[in-house]
Amino acid sequence: MLPITSVLVSNYSPDVEESIAAIRRDVTLLHAELVRYGLVVWTGGNVSARVPGADLFVIKPSGVGYDDLAPENMILCDLEGVPVGAVWSRLYPTDAPGYGFVAEDVPELGIGVLDGYRGRGIGRALLEAMIAATPGDLSLSVEDGNPAIELYRSAGFTAVGRFGDATTMLRTRL
């Protein structure tokens, strides 16, 4: 399984962006302390921290093992606890493929940004983070009429097939 990566980049001031990065590092280190002192069971046990100067906080993604934690996969939420976007990848077997399936050894990417947060560069930041975290090829599926297809094309994804009302796209690592 590939590491889960979640990133939020926005139009916050450089000071707030710096605080977000520092809090992500701190929360990651604090989770290591939970493990060290035996305060977790499987993926249970959590630390979060508020971002100074913004109505945001950083928290560990649910269900992610402590060995897989890194600052870049800490979730940034608003104070209501709502993540504004997420990205993940998953390997599927040939006998149970996803909509963007191309091969068992090519992870399929999933990505989403809440309506009110679209058009702010969050989707691009999520996509770029996943590309950077993935050592090989990536595939995805995009439904007809979804304007995100232009984002995927600009990131090097090309159409390789169709599945229902969607285009399967592939980005090959050079």
Protein backbone atom coordinates (compact mmCIF):
# COMPACT_ATOMS: atom_id res chain seq x y z
CA MET A 1 0.00 0.00 0.00
CA LEU A 2 1.31 3.43 -0.90
CA PRO A 3 1.51 6.14 1.74
CA ILE A 4 -1.60 8.23 2.13
CA THR A 5 -0.85 11.82 1.38
CA SER A 6 -3.05 14.76 2.15
CA VAL A 7 -2.01 18.34 1.65
CA LEU A 8 -3.75 21.67 1.81
CA VAL A 9 -2.17 24.69 0.22
CA SER A 10 -4.19 27.85 0.10
CA ASN A 11 -4.04 31.57 -0.14
CA TYR A 12 -3.01 32.01 3.49
CA SER A 13 -0.27 34.45 4.31
CA PRO A 14 3.31 33.14 4.32
CA ASP A 15 3.31 33.31 8.14
CA VAL A 16 0.21 31.12 8.37
CA GLU A 17 1.60 28.68 5.77
CA GLU A 18 4.80 28.47 7.82
CA SER A 19 2.72 27.83 10.96
CA ILE A 20 0.75 25.08 9.19
CA ALA A 21 3.98 23.34 8.17
CA ALA A 22 5.41 23.64 11.70
CA ILE A 23 2.22 22.33 13.33
CA ARG A 24 2.16 19.37 10.91
CA ARG A 25 5.74 18.50 11.93
CA ASP A 26 4.91 18.91 15.63
CA VAL A 27 1.76 16.78 15.45
CA THR A 28 3.70 14.05 13.62
CA LEU A 29 6.40 14.05 16.32
CA LEU A 30 3.80 14.00 19.09
CA HIS A 31 2.18 10.92 17.56
CA ALA A 32 5.55 9.17 17.75
CA GLU A 33 5.56 9.97 21.46
CA LEU A 34 2.13 8.36 21.85
CA VAL A 35 3.55 5.15 20.40
CA ARG A 36 6.71 5.40 22.49
CA TYR A 37 4.70 5.60 25.70
CA GLY A 38 2.18 2.91 24.72
CA LEU A 39 -0.77 5.29 24.50
CA VAL A 40 -2.19 3.91 21.25
CA VAL A 41 -3.94 0.76 20.10
CA TRP A 42 -3.65 0.01 16.35
CA THR A 43 -4.58 3.43 14.86
CA GLY A 44 -6.43 4.71 17.93
CA GLY A 45 -4.91 7.59 19.86
CA ASN A 46 -4.78 11.07 18.47
CA VAL A 47 -3.20 14.48 18.87
CA SER A 48 -4.36 17.65 17.18
CA ALA A 49 -3.14 21.24 17.33
CA ARG A 50 -4.57 24.60 16.42
CA VAL A 51 -2.72 26.73 13.88
CA PRO A 52 -1.78 30.10 15.40
CA GLY A 53 -3.17 33.05 13.46
CA ALA A 54 -5.86 31.06 11.64
CA ASP A 55 -9.14 29.28 12.35
CA LEU A 56 -7.57 25.94 11.46
CA PHE A 57 -6.21 22.84 13.15
CA VAL A 58 -4.08 19.85 12.17
CA ILE A 59 -5.06 16.28 13.03
CA LYS A 60 -3.92 12.73 12.22
CA PRO A 61 -5.93 11.09 9.42
CA SER A 62 -8.23 8.37 10.70
CA GLY A 63 -7.18 4.77 10.09
CA VAL A 64 -3.60 5.56 9.08
CA GLY A 65 -1.00 3.48 10.90
CA TYR A 66 1.55 5.30 13.00
CA ASP A 67 4.43 3.91 10.94
CA ASP A 68 3.01 5.70 7.88
CA LEU A 69 2.62 9.13 9.47
CA ALA A 70 4.48 12.07 8.00
CA PRO A 71 3.90 15.82 8.19
CA GLU A 72 2.52 15.91 4.65
CA ASN A 73 -0.29 13.47 5.43
CA MET A 74 -1.62 15.32 8.46
CA ILE A 75 -5.10 16.69 7.76
CA LEU A 76 -5.77 20.43 7.91
CA CYS A 77 -9.35 21.26 8.95
CA ASP A 78 -11.36 24.35 9.69
CA LEU A 79 -12.57 24.82 13.26
CA GLU A 80 -15.74 22.91 12.47
CA GLY A 81 -13.51 19.90 11.79
CA VAL A 82 -14.24 19.88 8.09
CA PRO A 83 -11.37 18.85 5.81
CA VAL A 84 -11.61 20.98 2.68
CA GLY A 85 -9.94 18.50 0.33
CA ALA A 86 -8.36 15.08 0.21
CA VAL A 87 -6.31 12.91 -2.10
CA TRP A 88 -5.48 9.21 -1.91
CA SER A 89 -4.29 6.38 -4.10
CA ARG A 90 -5.09 2.70 -4.02
CA LEU A 91 -4.02 -0.45 -5.84
CA TYR A 92 -6.86 -2.56 -7.22
CA PRO A 93 -6.78 -6.19 -8.33
CA THR A 94 -7.73 -7.13 -11.90
CA ASP A 95 -10.84 -8.96 -10.67
CA ALA A 96 -12.14 -5.90 -8.77
CA PRO A 97 -10.91 -2.83 -10.67
CA GLY A 98 -11.69 0.80 -9.93
CA TYR A 99 -13.07 3.13 -12.61
CA GLY A 100 -9.58 4.39 -13.45
CA PHE A 101 -7.95 0.95 -13.43
CA VAL A 102 -5.09 0.36 -15.88
CA ALA A 103 -2.99 -2.35 -14.16
CA GLU A 104 -2.59 -4.03 -10.77
CA ASP A 105 0.73 -2.27 -10.18
CA VAL A 106 -0.54 1.24 -11.04
CA PRO A 107 -2.26 3.04 -8.16
CA GLU A 108 -5.53 4.75 -8.93
CA LEU A 109 -5.82 8.28 -7.61
CA GLY A 110 -8.91 9.71 -5.92
CA ILE A 111 -9.22 13.41 -5.22
CA GLY A 112 -11.90 15.80 -4.02
CA VAL A 113 -12.27 19.41 -2.90
CA LEU A 114 -15.40 20.82 -1.26
CA ASP A 115 -17.47 23.09 -3.50
CA GLY A 116 -16.81 26.28 -1.55
CA TYR A 117 -13.04 25.73 -1.72
CA ARG A 118 -12.67 24.93 -5.43
CA GLY A 119 -10.76 27.30 -7.68
CA ARG A 120 -8.23 28.23 -4.98
CA GLY A 121 -5.40 25.91 -6.04
CA ILE A 122 -6.20 23.27 -3.43
CA GLY A 123 -6.87 20.53 -5.99
CA ARG A 124 -3.62 21.32 -7.80
CA ALA A 125 -1.67 21.22 -4.53
CA LEU A 126 -3.23 17.88 -3.58
CA LEU A 127 -2.52 16.43 -7.01
CA GLU A 128 1.09 17.65 -7.04
CA ALA A 129 1.66 16.24 -3.54
CA MET A 130 0.38 12.81 -4.59
CA ILE A 131 2.48 12.83 -7.76
CA ALA A 132 5.55 13.73 -5.68
CA ALA A 133 4.78 10.95 -3.16
CA THR A 134 4.23 8.26 -5.80
CA PRO A 135 7.36 6.65 -7.24
CA GLY A 136 5.68 5.31 -10.39
CA ASP A 137 2.71 5.76 -12.65
CA LEU A 138 -0.72 6.98 -11.51
CA SER A 139 -4.15 6.55 -13.04
CA LEU A 140 -7.50 8.21 -12.43
CA SER A 141 -11.01 8.45 -13.78
CA VAL A 142 -12.76 11.73 -14.58
CA GLU A 143 -16.44 11.98 -15.42
CA ASP A 144 -17.57 13.68 -18.61
CA GLY A 145 -18.08 17.42 -18.08
CA ASN A 146 -15.82 17.65 -15.01
CA PRO A 147 -13.64 20.75 -15.48
CA ALA A 148 -10.86 19.09 -13.44
CA ILE A 149 -9.87 17.24 -16.61
CA GLU A 150 -7.84 20.32 -17.56
CA LEU A 151 -5.98 20.15 -14.24
CA TYR A 152 -5.17 16.49 -14.87
CA ARG A 153 -3.97 17.21 -18.42
CA SER A 154 -1.76 20.05 -17.16
CA ALA A 155 -0.21 17.59 -14.67
CA GLY A 156 0.72 15.15 -17.46
CA PHE A 157 -2.25 12.77 -17.42
CA THR A 158 -3.40 11.51 -20.83
CA ALA A 159 -6.56 9.67 -21.82
CA VAL A 160 -6.04 5.92 -22.20
CA GLY A 161 -9.62 4.62 -22.22
CA ARG A 162 -13.26 4.99 -21.30
CA PHE A 163 -15.39 3.44 -18.57
CA GLY A 164 -19.06 4.36 -18.77
CA ASP A 165 -19.38 8.15 -18.78
CA ALA A 166 -15.79 8.70 -17.69
CA THR A 167 -12.33 8.93 -19.16
CA THR A 168 -9.53 6.83 -17.71
CA MET A 169 -6.29 8.81 -17.59
CA LEU A 170 -2.69 7.78 -16.94
CA ARG A 171 0.39 9.72 -15.90
CA THR A 172 3.59 7.85 -16.51
CA ARG A 173 6.68 8.57 -14.44
CA LEU A 174 9.66 9.21 -16.65
